[in-house]
N, C-alpha and C. Protein backbone atom coordinates (compact mmCIF):
# COMPACT_ATOMS: atom_id res chain seq x y z
N MET A 1 23.19 -43.36 -43.34
CA MET A 1 23.00 -41.83 -43.43
C MET A 1 23.87 -41.24 -44.54
N LYS A 2 22.66 -40.20 -45.46
CA LYS A 2 23.44 -39.68 -46.73
C LYS A 2 24.15 -38.48 -46.66
N PHE A 3 25.38 -38.09 -47.08
CA PHE A 3 26.06 -37.10 -46.69
C PHE A 3 25.90 -36.16 -48.16
N CYS A 4 26.11 -34.59 -47.89
CA CYS A 4 26.23 -34.02 -49.22
C CYS A 4 27.53 -34.45 -50.09
N GLN A 5 27.33 -34.58 -51.17
CA GLN A 5 28.30 -34.98 -52.10
C GLN A 5 29.27 -33.85 -52.33
N SER A 6 29.22 -32.73 -51.93
CA SER A 6 30.08 -31.63 -52.18
C SER A 6 30.45 -31.29 -50.67
N CYS A 7 29.94 -30.93 -49.86
CA CYS A 7 30.67 -30.39 -48.43
C CYS A 7 30.82 -31.63 -47.39
N GLY A 8 29.93 -32.76 -47.72
CA GLY A 8 30.04 -33.63 -46.47
C GLY A 8 29.13 -33.59 -45.22
N MET A 9 28.25 -32.71 -45.38
CA MET A 9 27.60 -32.58 -44.28
C MET A 9 26.06 -33.45 -44.35
N PRO A 10 25.64 -34.01 -43.18
CA PRO A 10 24.55 -34.96 -43.23
C PRO A 10 23.50 -34.44 -43.77
N LEU A 11 22.82 -35.32 -44.90
CA LEU A 11 21.58 -34.72 -45.42
C LEU A 11 20.33 -35.00 -44.87
N SER A 12 19.68 -33.94 -44.79
CA SER A 12 17.94 -34.23 -44.30
C SER A 12 17.12 -33.69 -45.07
N ASN A 13 15.60 -33.89 -45.05
CA ASN A 13 14.96 -33.04 -46.14
C ASN A 13 15.02 -31.97 -45.98
N GLU A 14 15.35 -30.97 -44.93
CA GLU A 14 15.49 -29.69 -44.69
C GLU A 14 16.31 -28.67 -45.29
N VAL A 15 17.38 -29.60 -45.50
CA VAL A 15 18.58 -29.12 -46.06
C VAL A 15 18.94 -29.37 -47.23
N LEU A 16 18.23 -30.28 -48.13
CA LEU A 16 18.33 -30.54 -49.65
C LEU A 16 18.58 -29.18 -50.36
N GLY A 17 19.45 -29.35 -51.40
CA GLY A 17 19.38 -28.45 -52.51
C GLY A 17 18.34 -28.79 -53.51
N THR A 18 18.40 -27.98 -54.59
CA THR A 18 17.28 -28.08 -55.47
C THR A 18 18.13 -28.23 -56.96
N ASN A 19 17.37 -28.80 -57.63
CA ASN A 19 17.63 -29.05 -58.94
C ASN A 19 17.11 -28.02 -60.05
N ALA A 20 17.53 -27.98 -61.37
CA ALA A 20 17.11 -26.95 -62.04
C ALA A 20 15.55 -26.88 -62.17
N ASP A 21 14.92 -28.17 -62.12
CA ASP A 21 13.54 -27.89 -62.28
C ASP A 21 12.65 -27.60 -61.05
N GLY A 22 13.50 -27.26 -59.86
CA GLY A 22 13.13 -26.96 -58.84
C GLY A 22 12.65 -28.27 -57.88
N SER A 23 12.87 -29.21 -58.25
CA SER A 23 12.71 -30.53 -57.38
C SER A 23 13.96 -30.77 -56.52
N LYS A 24 13.97 -31.50 -55.29
CA LYS A 24 15.09 -31.63 -54.43
C LYS A 24 15.83 -32.42 -55.20
N SER A 25 17.24 -32.23 -54.64
CA SER A 25 18.52 -32.74 -55.05
C SER A 25 18.55 -33.82 -53.91
N ASP A 26 18.74 -35.10 -54.12
CA ASP A 26 19.02 -35.93 -53.12
C ASP A 26 20.69 -36.40 -53.00
N GLU A 27 21.65 -35.57 -53.66
CA GLU A 27 23.10 -35.54 -53.55
C GLU A 27 23.27 -34.31 -52.84
N TYR A 28 22.81 -33.29 -52.82
CA TYR A 28 23.58 -32.07 -52.32
C TYR A 28 22.77 -31.20 -51.33
N CYS A 29 23.49 -30.44 -50.46
CA CYS A 29 22.57 -29.54 -49.76
C CYS A 29 22.31 -28.08 -50.24
N ILE A 30 21.59 -27.49 -49.48
CA ILE A 30 21.00 -26.36 -50.21
C ILE A 30 22.33 -25.20 -49.95
N TYR A 31 23.17 -25.43 -49.36
CA TYR A 31 24.30 -24.56 -48.87
C TYR A 31 25.29 -24.58 -50.51
N CYS A 32 25.25 -25.78 -50.86
CA CYS A 32 26.42 -26.13 -52.00
C CYS A 32 25.44 -26.15 -53.39
N TYR A 33 24.46 -26.45 -53.55
CA TYR A 33 23.63 -26.71 -54.79
C TYR A 33 22.25 -26.05 -54.77
N LYS A 34 22.23 -25.20 -55.52
CA LYS A 34 20.67 -24.39 -56.05
C LYS A 34 20.29 -24.13 -57.49
N ASP A 35 19.20 -24.64 -57.53
CA ASP A 35 18.67 -24.52 -58.95
C ASP A 35 19.42 -25.20 -60.31
N GLY A 36 19.97 -26.20 -59.61
CA GLY A 36 21.02 -27.21 -60.57
C GLY A 36 22.40 -26.76 -60.84
N ALA A 37 22.95 -25.77 -59.84
CA ALA A 37 24.09 -25.56 -59.90
C ALA A 37 24.82 -25.23 -58.44
N PHE A 38 26.09 -25.51 -58.54
CA PHE A 38 26.85 -25.10 -57.10
C PHE A 38 26.68 -23.89 -57.01
N THR A 39 26.65 -23.47 -56.05
CA THR A 39 26.57 -22.03 -55.30
C THR A 39 28.00 -21.64 -55.22
N GLY A 40 29.08 -22.04 -55.39
CA GLY A 40 30.30 -21.46 -55.29
C GLY A 40 31.40 -22.24 -56.34
N ASN A 41 32.20 -21.53 -56.93
CA ASN A 41 32.91 -21.96 -57.80
C ASN A 41 34.47 -22.24 -56.64
N PHE A 42 34.50 -23.33 -55.95
CA PHE A 42 35.62 -23.87 -55.01
C PHE A 42 36.59 -24.79 -55.85
N THR A 43 37.79 -24.60 -55.28
CA THR A 43 38.52 -25.95 -55.06
C THR A 43 37.93 -26.58 -53.97
N MET A 44 38.67 -28.06 -53.80
CA MET A 44 38.27 -28.78 -52.72
C MET A 44 38.82 -27.95 -51.58
N GLU A 45 40.27 -27.67 -51.69
CA GLU A 45 41.05 -26.80 -50.50
C GLU A 45 40.13 -25.82 -50.15
N GLU A 46 39.52 -25.22 -50.68
CA GLU A 46 38.71 -23.80 -50.51
C GLU A 46 37.65 -24.32 -49.94
N MET A 47 36.91 -25.46 -49.96
CA MET A 47 35.62 -26.00 -49.71
C MET A 47 35.93 -26.22 -48.14
N ALA A 48 37.19 -27.06 -48.31
CA ALA A 48 37.83 -27.30 -46.59
C ALA A 48 37.78 -26.36 -46.00
N GLU A 49 38.67 -25.62 -46.57
CA GLU A 49 39.04 -24.34 -45.52
C GLU A 49 37.60 -23.43 -44.91
N TYR A 50 36.49 -23.36 -45.90
CA TYR A 50 35.41 -22.53 -45.55
C TYR A 50 34.77 -23.58 -44.36
N CYS A 51 34.47 -24.92 -44.99
CA CYS A 51 33.74 -25.93 -44.02
C CYS A 51 34.44 -25.91 -42.37
N SER A 52 36.05 -25.65 -42.21
CA SER A 52 36.49 -26.05 -41.34
C SER A 52 36.01 -25.01 -39.98
N MET A 53 35.53 -23.78 -40.62
CA MET A 53 34.91 -22.67 -39.77
C MET A 53 33.83 -23.52 -38.57
N PHE A 54 33.12 -24.54 -39.12
CA PHE A 54 32.12 -25.07 -38.46
C PHE A 54 32.68 -26.33 -37.58
N VAL A 55 34.05 -26.05 -37.29
CA VAL A 55 34.33 -27.35 -36.24
C VAL A 55 33.54 -27.31 -35.01
N GLU A 56 33.21 -26.45 -34.52
CA GLU A 56 32.72 -26.57 -33.09
C GLU A 56 31.50 -27.28 -33.34
N GLU A 57 30.69 -27.08 -34.52
CA GLU A 57 29.53 -28.18 -34.54
C GLU A 57 29.64 -29.32 -34.79
N TYR A 58 30.72 -29.76 -35.44
CA TYR A 58 31.01 -30.73 -35.77
C TYR A 58 31.72 -31.62 -34.40
N ASN A 59 32.38 -30.69 -33.44
CA ASN A 59 32.86 -31.47 -32.38
C ASN A 59 31.78 -31.83 -31.68
N LYS A 60 30.79 -30.72 -31.61
CA LYS A 60 29.61 -31.00 -30.68
C LYS A 60 28.70 -32.35 -30.93
N ASN A 61 28.62 -32.60 -32.42
CA ASN A 61 27.62 -33.72 -32.84
C ASN A 61 28.54 -35.18 -32.77
N THR A 62 29.71 -35.12 -32.82
CA THR A 62 30.79 -36.39 -33.00
C THR A 62 31.25 -36.46 -31.64
N GLY A 63 31.25 -35.69 -30.30
CA GLY A 63 32.09 -35.71 -29.24
C GLY A 63 33.76 -35.48 -29.45
N LYS A 64 34.28 -35.04 -30.57
CA LYS A 64 35.53 -35.04 -30.84
C LYS A 64 35.73 -33.40 -30.37
N ASN A 65 37.03 -33.34 -30.11
CA ASN A 65 37.76 -31.86 -29.84
C ASN A 65 38.69 -31.30 -30.77
N LEU A 66 38.50 -31.23 -32.21
CA LEU A 66 39.16 -31.18 -33.56
C LEU A 66 39.82 -29.47 -33.24
N THR A 67 40.62 -29.17 -33.76
CA THR A 67 40.94 -27.76 -34.11
C THR A 67 40.37 -27.39 -35.45
N CYS A 68 40.28 -26.32 -35.97
CA CYS A 68 40.00 -25.93 -37.19
C CYS A 68 40.95 -26.58 -38.18
N CYS A 69 42.41 -26.53 -38.08
CA CYS A 69 43.24 -26.97 -39.08
C CYS A 69 43.22 -28.82 -38.70
N GLU A 70 42.98 -29.31 -37.79
CA GLU A 70 42.80 -30.68 -37.65
C GLU A 70 41.30 -31.09 -38.47
N TYR A 71 40.57 -30.48 -38.37
CA TYR A 71 39.05 -30.63 -39.08
C TYR A 71 39.37 -30.36 -40.32
N LYS A 72 40.12 -29.58 -41.03
CA LYS A 72 40.15 -29.41 -42.26
C LYS A 72 41.05 -30.69 -43.14
N GLN A 73 42.02 -31.01 -42.38
CA GLN A 73 42.89 -32.21 -42.66
C GLN A 73 41.89 -33.19 -42.74
N GLU A 74 41.03 -33.52 -42.03
CA GLU A 74 40.18 -34.60 -42.06
C GLU A 74 39.06 -34.40 -43.31
N LEU A 75 38.58 -33.20 -43.49
CA LEU A 75 37.74 -33.16 -44.62
C LEU A 75 38.72 -33.26 -45.95
N LEU A 76 39.85 -32.77 -46.16
CA LEU A 76 40.61 -33.18 -47.55
C LEU A 76 40.87 -34.66 -47.63
N LYS A 77 40.81 -35.18 -46.39
CA LYS A 77 40.79 -36.70 -46.75
C LYS A 77 39.50 -37.50 -46.88
N PHE A 78 38.31 -37.09 -46.49
CA PHE A 78 36.95 -37.24 -46.88
C PHE A 78 36.53 -36.78 -48.12
N TYR A 79 36.85 -35.62 -48.61
CA TYR A 79 36.24 -34.84 -50.31
C TYR A 79 36.61 -35.85 -51.20
N PRO A 80 37.71 -36.60 -51.21
CA PRO A 80 38.36 -37.41 -52.12
C PRO A 80 37.01 -38.30 -52.66
N THR A 81 36.21 -38.71 -51.83
CA THR A 81 35.31 -40.03 -51.63
C THR A 81 33.93 -39.27 -52.15
N LEU A 82 33.93 -37.80 -52.35
CA LEU A 82 32.38 -37.36 -52.48
C LEU A 82 32.37 -37.28 -54.11
N LYS A 83 31.35 -37.39 -54.61
CA LYS A 83 30.94 -37.21 -56.18
C LYS A 83 31.48 -35.88 -56.65
N ARG A 84 31.21 -34.63 -56.00
CA ARG A 84 31.73 -33.40 -56.87
C ARG A 84 33.00 -33.37 -57.23
N TRP A 85 33.95 -33.90 -56.20
CA TRP A 85 35.27 -33.95 -56.03
C TRP A 85 36.05 -34.84 -57.14
N ASN A 86 35.10 -35.78 -57.45
CA ASN A 86 35.55 -36.69 -58.88
C ASN A 86 35.29 -36.34 -59.95
N LEU A 87 34.39 -35.25 -60.62
CA LEU A 87 33.67 -34.70 -61.48
C LEU A 87 34.84 -33.96 -62.42
N PRO A 88 35.03 -34.01 -63.98
CA PRO A 88 35.66 -33.33 -64.11
C PRO A 88 35.13 -31.90 -64.42
N ALA A 89 36.25 -30.92 -64.14
CA ALA A 89 36.31 -29.47 -64.06
C ALA A 89 35.03 -28.80 -65.04
N ASP A 90 34.96 -29.73 -66.10
CA ASP A 90 34.05 -28.73 -67.15
C ASP A 90 32.73 -29.76 -67.18
N ALA A 91 32.37 -30.37 -66.02
CA ALA A 91 31.36 -30.87 -65.83
C ALA A 91 30.57 -30.42 -64.62
N ILE A 92 31.07 -29.41 -63.95
CA ILE A 92 30.72 -29.09 -62.97
C ILE A 92 29.76 -27.83 -63.17
N PRO A 93 28.27 -27.91 -62.79
CA PRO A 93 27.88 -26.72 -62.95
C PRO A 93 28.00 -25.48 -61.86
N HIS A 94 28.18 -24.42 -62.16
CA HIS A 94 28.72 -23.56 -61.33
C HIS A 94 27.42 -22.39 -61.21
N ALA A 95 26.95 -21.62 -60.26
CA ALA A 95 26.11 -20.59 -60.14
C ALA A 95 27.16 -19.29 -59.77
N ASP A 96 27.92 -18.69 -60.64
CA ASP A 96 28.79 -17.68 -60.58
C ASP A 96 27.63 -16.20 -60.79
N HIS A 97 26.71 -15.84 -60.05
CA HIS A 97 25.79 -15.12 -60.22
C HIS A 97 26.24 -13.84 -60.27
N PRO A 98 25.77 -13.00 -61.05
CA PRO A 98 26.46 -11.66 -61.49
C PRO A 98 26.29 -10.77 -60.00
N MET A 99 25.39 -11.08 -59.07
CA MET A 99 24.92 -9.96 -58.20
C MET A 99 26.01 -10.38 -56.77
N LYS A 100 27.01 -11.38 -57.08
CA LYS A 100 27.45 -12.06 -56.08
C LYS A 100 28.94 -11.00 -55.72
N GLN A 101 29.38 -10.43 -57.03
CA GLN A 101 30.48 -9.64 -56.94
C GLN A 101 30.23 -8.08 -56.61
N VAL A 102 28.58 -7.81 -56.84
CA VAL A 102 28.10 -6.52 -56.54
C VAL A 102 28.10 -6.48 -54.89
N PHE A 103 27.63 -7.97 -54.53
CA PHE A 103 27.41 -7.60 -53.09
C PHE A 103 28.75 -7.69 -51.95
N ILE A 104 29.80 -8.10 -52.77
CA ILE A 104 31.03 -8.14 -52.10
C ILE A 104 31.56 -6.64 -52.03
N ASP A 105 31.49 -5.94 -53.43
CA ASP A 105 31.81 -4.36 -53.39
C ASP A 105 31.11 -3.54 -52.73
N GLU A 106 29.69 -3.84 -52.38
CA GLU A 106 29.06 -3.10 -51.50
C GLU A 106 29.40 -3.60 -50.05
N VAL A 107 29.66 -4.21 -49.72
CA VAL A 107 30.02 -4.56 -48.19
C VAL A 107 31.33 -4.04 -47.73
N ASN A 108 32.29 -4.17 -48.77
CA ASN A 108 33.68 -3.55 -48.56
C ASN A 108 33.88 -2.00 -48.99
N ALA A 109 32.77 -1.62 -49.17
CA ALA A 109 32.46 -0.07 -49.31
C ALA A 109 31.87 0.34 -48.38
N LEU A 110 31.68 -0.25 -47.32
CA LEU A 110 30.72 0.03 -46.14
C LEU A 110 31.96 0.73 -45.21
N GLY A 111 33.01 0.13 -45.35
CA GLY A 111 34.39 0.84 -44.64
C GLY A 111 34.41 0.30 -43.40
N ILE A 112 34.07 -0.73 -42.81
CA ILE A 112 33.87 -1.03 -41.45
C ILE A 112 35.34 -1.57 -41.09
N PRO A 113 35.76 -1.35 -40.00
CA PRO A 113 37.34 -1.79 -39.82
C PRO A 113 37.46 -3.04 -39.55
N GLU A 114 38.31 -3.81 -39.93
CA GLU A 114 38.61 -5.35 -40.18
C GLU A 114 37.52 -5.98 -40.92
N LEU A 115 36.90 -5.30 -41.62
CA LEU A 115 35.86 -6.10 -42.35
C LEU A 115 36.42 -6.09 -43.88
N HIS A 116 36.94 -7.06 -44.46
CA HIS A 116 37.11 -7.36 -46.11
C HIS A 116 36.57 -8.69 -46.41
N VAL A 117 36.01 -8.53 -47.42
CA VAL A 117 34.91 -9.63 -47.90
C VAL A 117 35.57 -10.13 -49.37
N SER A 118 36.13 -11.22 -49.26
CA SER A 118 36.65 -11.76 -50.76
C SER A 118 35.66 -12.69 -51.33
N ASN A 119 34.86 -13.23 -50.75
CA ASN A 119 34.01 -14.60 -51.14
C ASN A 119 32.73 -14.49 -50.53
N LEU A 120 31.72 -14.91 -50.94
CA LEU A 120 30.37 -14.81 -50.37
C LEU A 120 29.48 -16.23 -50.97
N TYR A 121 28.81 -16.83 -49.85
CA TYR A 121 28.50 -18.13 -50.08
C TYR A 121 26.93 -18.01 -49.97
N ILE A 122 26.14 -19.20 -50.26
CA ILE A 122 25.02 -19.26 -50.16
C ILE A 122 24.50 -19.76 -48.72
N LEU A 123 23.73 -19.21 -47.89
CA LEU A 123 23.42 -19.35 -46.80
C LEU A 123 22.12 -19.43 -46.35
N GLN A 124 21.44 -20.31 -45.72
CA GLN A 124 20.07 -20.48 -45.31
C GLN A 124 19.63 -19.47 -44.16
N GLY A 125 18.59 -18.92 -44.05
CA GLY A 125 18.48 -17.59 -43.09
C GLY A 125 18.08 -18.47 -41.84
N ALA A 126 17.76 -19.69 -41.75
CA ALA A 126 17.37 -20.08 -40.47
C ALA A 126 19.03 -20.43 -39.57
N PHE A 127 19.85 -20.68 -40.72
CA PHE A 127 21.22 -21.19 -40.36
C PHE A 127 21.91 -19.86 -39.60
N ILE A 128 21.60 -18.34 -40.11
CA ILE A 128 22.31 -17.21 -39.63
C ILE A 128 21.44 -16.21 -39.09
N ASN A 129 20.26 -16.66 -39.04
CA ASN A 129 19.10 -15.65 -38.50
C ASN A 129 19.37 -15.46 -36.66
N GLN A 130 20.02 -14.55 -36.31
CA GLN A 130 20.45 -14.06 -34.96
C GLN A 130 19.29 -13.01 -34.43
N SER A 131 19.32 -13.28 -33.17
CA SER A 131 18.49 -12.02 -32.25
C SER A 131 19.05 -11.09 -31.96
N TYR A 132 18.61 -9.90 -31.99
CA TYR A 132 19.06 -8.54 -31.61
C TYR A 132 18.35 -7.83 -30.42
N GLN A 133 18.85 -7.03 -29.81
CA GLN A 133 18.24 -6.59 -28.78
C GLN A 133 18.11 -5.02 -29.48
N ILE A 134 16.79 -4.67 -29.82
CA ILE A 134 16.60 -3.05 -30.54
C ILE A 134 15.50 -2.66 -29.76
N ASN A 135 15.83 -1.67 -29.23
CA ASN A 135 14.43 -0.62 -28.34
C ASN A 135 13.82 -1.70 -26.91
N GLY A 136 14.90 -2.14 -26.61
CA GLY A 136 14.59 -3.34 -25.55
C GLY A 136 13.68 -4.68 -25.92
N ASN A 137 13.66 -4.90 -27.35
CA ASN A 137 12.80 -5.93 -27.72
C ASN A 137 13.87 -6.74 -28.31
N GLU A 138 13.57 -8.32 -28.29
CA GLU A 138 14.30 -9.40 -28.95
C GLU A 138 13.91 -9.33 -30.52
N VAL A 139 14.59 -9.25 -31.32
CA VAL A 139 14.47 -9.08 -32.96
C VAL A 139 15.16 -9.90 -33.72
N LYS A 140 14.45 -10.71 -34.77
CA LYS A 140 15.04 -11.34 -35.84
C LYS A 140 14.97 -10.43 -36.99
N LEU A 141 16.06 -10.32 -37.62
CA LEU A 141 15.64 -9.62 -38.88
C LEU A 141 15.89 -10.36 -40.62
N LEU A 142 15.86 -11.54 -40.18
CA LEU A 142 16.13 -12.28 -41.50
C LEU A 142 15.02 -13.48 -41.62
N ASP A 143 14.60 -13.90 -42.85
CA ASP A 143 13.65 -14.79 -43.19
C ASP A 143 14.50 -16.03 -42.76
N ASP A 144 13.78 -16.74 -42.18
CA ASP A 144 14.49 -18.50 -41.93
C ASP A 144 14.29 -19.24 -43.07
N ASN A 145 13.27 -18.75 -43.79
CA ASN A 145 13.04 -19.71 -45.33
C ASN A 145 13.92 -19.43 -46.52
N ALA A 146 14.36 -18.22 -46.44
CA ALA A 146 15.26 -17.40 -47.40
C ALA A 146 16.50 -18.11 -47.38
N SER A 147 17.24 -17.62 -48.72
CA SER A 147 18.57 -17.77 -48.81
C SER A 147 19.52 -16.51 -49.02
N TYR A 148 20.29 -16.31 -48.35
CA TYR A 148 21.43 -15.15 -48.53
C TYR A 148 22.51 -15.36 -48.84
N TRP A 149 23.25 -14.09 -49.72
CA TRP A 149 24.62 -14.43 -49.78
C TRP A 149 25.53 -13.91 -48.51
N GLY A 150 26.29 -15.07 -47.74
CA GLY A 150 26.87 -14.13 -46.46
C GLY A 150 28.04 -14.87 -46.41
N ASN A 151 28.74 -14.51 -45.27
CA ASN A 151 30.14 -14.88 -44.87
C ASN A 151 30.45 -14.78 -43.38
N GLN A 152 31.20 -15.20 -42.93
CA GLN A 152 31.56 -15.03 -41.44
C GLN A 152 33.01 -14.61 -41.44
N ILE A 153 33.43 -13.38 -41.17
CA ILE A 153 34.92 -12.90 -41.12
C ILE A 153 35.46 -12.73 -39.81
N GLN A 154 36.43 -13.65 -39.14
CA GLN A 154 36.96 -13.30 -37.95
C GLN A 154 37.67 -12.15 -37.61
N LYS A 155 37.69 -11.45 -36.34
CA LYS A 155 38.41 -10.12 -36.00
C LYS A 155 39.46 -10.67 -35.28
N LYS A 156 40.03 -9.50 -35.13
CA LYS A 156 41.49 -9.98 -34.15
C LYS A 156 41.33 -10.28 -32.74
N ASP A 157 40.30 -9.51 -32.26
CA ASP A 157 39.79 -9.65 -31.11
C ASP A 157 38.96 -11.08 -30.84
N GLY A 158 38.89 -11.86 -31.67
CA GLY A 158 38.17 -13.42 -31.63
C GLY A 158 36.76 -13.16 -32.17
N ARG A 159 35.92 -12.11 -31.85
CA ARG A 159 34.89 -12.01 -32.29
C ARG A 159 34.76 -11.91 -33.73
N CYS A 160 33.56 -12.23 -34.24
CA CYS A 160 33.14 -12.43 -35.80
C CYS A 160 32.28 -11.34 -36.64
N TYR A 161 32.48 -10.75 -37.43
CA TYR A 161 31.57 -10.40 -38.55
C TYR A 161 30.42 -11.17 -38.96
N GLY A 162 29.43 -11.10 -39.25
CA GLY A 162 28.34 -12.11 -39.80
C GLY A 162 27.84 -11.19 -41.17
N ILE A 163 28.03 -11.29 -42.31
CA ILE A 163 27.25 -10.71 -43.45
C ILE A 163 26.22 -11.64 -43.91
N ALA A 164 24.97 -11.00 -44.42
CA ALA A 164 23.85 -11.41 -45.10
C ALA A 164 23.37 -10.38 -45.83
N CYS A 165 23.62 -10.87 -47.33
CA CYS A 165 22.96 -9.89 -48.55
C CYS A 165 21.71 -10.39 -49.14
N CYS A 166 20.82 -9.49 -49.34
CA CYS A 166 19.84 -9.97 -50.69
C CYS A 166 19.60 -8.68 -51.52
N GLU A 167 18.27 -8.90 -52.25
CA GLU A 167 18.21 -7.63 -53.03
C GLU A 167 17.85 -6.61 -52.47
N HIS A 168 17.20 -6.72 -51.19
CA HIS A 168 16.95 -5.69 -50.45
C HIS A 168 17.68 -5.06 -49.48
N TYR A 169 18.41 -5.63 -49.07
CA TYR A 169 19.49 -4.98 -47.87
C TYR A 169 20.74 -5.67 -47.66
N ILE A 170 21.51 -5.09 -46.85
CA ILE A 170 22.92 -5.84 -46.29
C ILE A 170 22.82 -5.39 -44.94
N LEU A 171 22.99 -6.73 -44.37
CA LEU A 171 23.20 -6.71 -42.65
C LEU A 171 24.56 -7.37 -42.38
N VAL A 172 24.94 -6.24 -41.21
CA VAL A 172 26.52 -6.70 -40.67
C VAL A 172 26.13 -7.00 -39.34
N SER A 173 26.51 -8.10 -38.84
CA SER A 173 26.46 -8.06 -37.25
C SER A 173 27.80 -8.40 -36.83
N GLU A 174 28.16 -8.59 -35.43
CA GLU A 174 29.02 -8.98 -34.73
C GLU A 174 28.82 -9.65 -33.58
N TYR A 175 29.39 -10.62 -33.43
CA TYR A 175 29.12 -11.82 -32.32
C TYR A 175 29.95 -12.49 -31.80
N GLY A 176 29.98 -13.14 -30.92
CA GLY A 176 31.16 -13.79 -30.08
C GLY A 176 31.01 -15.28 -30.51
N LYS A 177 31.79 -16.18 -29.72
CA LYS A 177 31.88 -17.68 -30.15
C LYS A 177 30.46 -18.09 -30.07
N ASP A 178 29.90 -19.15 -31.05
CA ASP A 178 28.59 -19.70 -31.26
C ASP A 178 27.55 -18.39 -31.26
N GLY A 179 27.76 -17.25 -31.86
CA GLY A 179 26.74 -16.44 -32.28
C GLY A 179 26.41 -15.59 -30.83
N THR A 180 27.02 -15.56 -29.73
CA THR A 180 26.75 -15.16 -28.48
C THR A 180 26.74 -13.67 -28.48
N ASP A 181 26.16 -12.82 -27.86
CA ASP A 181 26.42 -11.24 -27.84
C ASP A 181 25.84 -10.79 -29.17
N ALA A 182 25.29 -11.22 -29.75
CA ALA A 182 24.98 -10.55 -31.24
C ALA A 182 24.73 -9.12 -31.46
N GLU A 183 25.29 -8.45 -32.08
CA GLU A 183 25.23 -7.07 -32.26
C GLU A 183 24.90 -6.77 -33.65
N LEU A 184 23.72 -5.84 -34.08
CA LEU A 184 23.83 -5.28 -35.42
C LEU A 184 24.49 -4.29 -35.42
N ILE A 185 25.37 -4.03 -36.43
CA ILE A 185 26.51 -3.07 -37.23
C ILE A 185 25.80 -2.36 -37.93
N ILE A 186 25.19 -2.94 -39.15
CA ILE A 186 24.43 -1.90 -39.95
C ILE A 186 23.51 -3.09 -40.68
N LEU A 187 22.28 -2.18 -41.06
CA LEU A 187 21.36 -2.67 -41.70
C LEU A 187 20.88 -1.59 -43.05
N LYS A 188 21.55 -1.77 -44.05
CA LYS A 188 21.31 -0.99 -45.19
C LYS A 188 20.32 -1.46 -46.20
N LYS A 189 19.60 -0.47 -46.61
CA LYS A 189 18.64 -0.91 -47.67
C LYS A 189 19.47 -0.70 -48.70
N ARG A 190 19.28 -1.27 -50.01
CA ARG A 190 19.93 -1.33 -51.15
C ARG A 190 19.11 -0.52 -52.16
């Protein structure tokens, strides 16, 4: 099995990143690598911190029962074996898209309690597209095939805010463990 040489997730055709010429990358996933550049300017520690949020998915697929902290430590042992973390800093192509900071500022300006965003990541629509009950109908608002700038922010009560931004709108939702009981907080046209 091949693993993303940035975050370590297993690679399949559905999650391959893209090179500058639009071809599929055989080394990196879509979450880490798009259009020939890394989607975020992370240190190895920051990447492990971000990926540790997905410990439940890891536990489900491996039969382990790690905490976020334990999973982060496992990642920090594994990452030095991956290509990205062995490249010289000046050889790493970063995609610090100018819209990233615009989206961060717009989300923070919404004034939603306990929601402060300091970073956004490229996320695939299929990965974050949740169902909401709207006027008695179950509705999904994102395009499974599109990429969004997004993040997950945990609240004090254990629930999470989910953020998805694109050139047309900003979506903020709130949900419980594993995305249960998703509620639409705001869908703002840009």
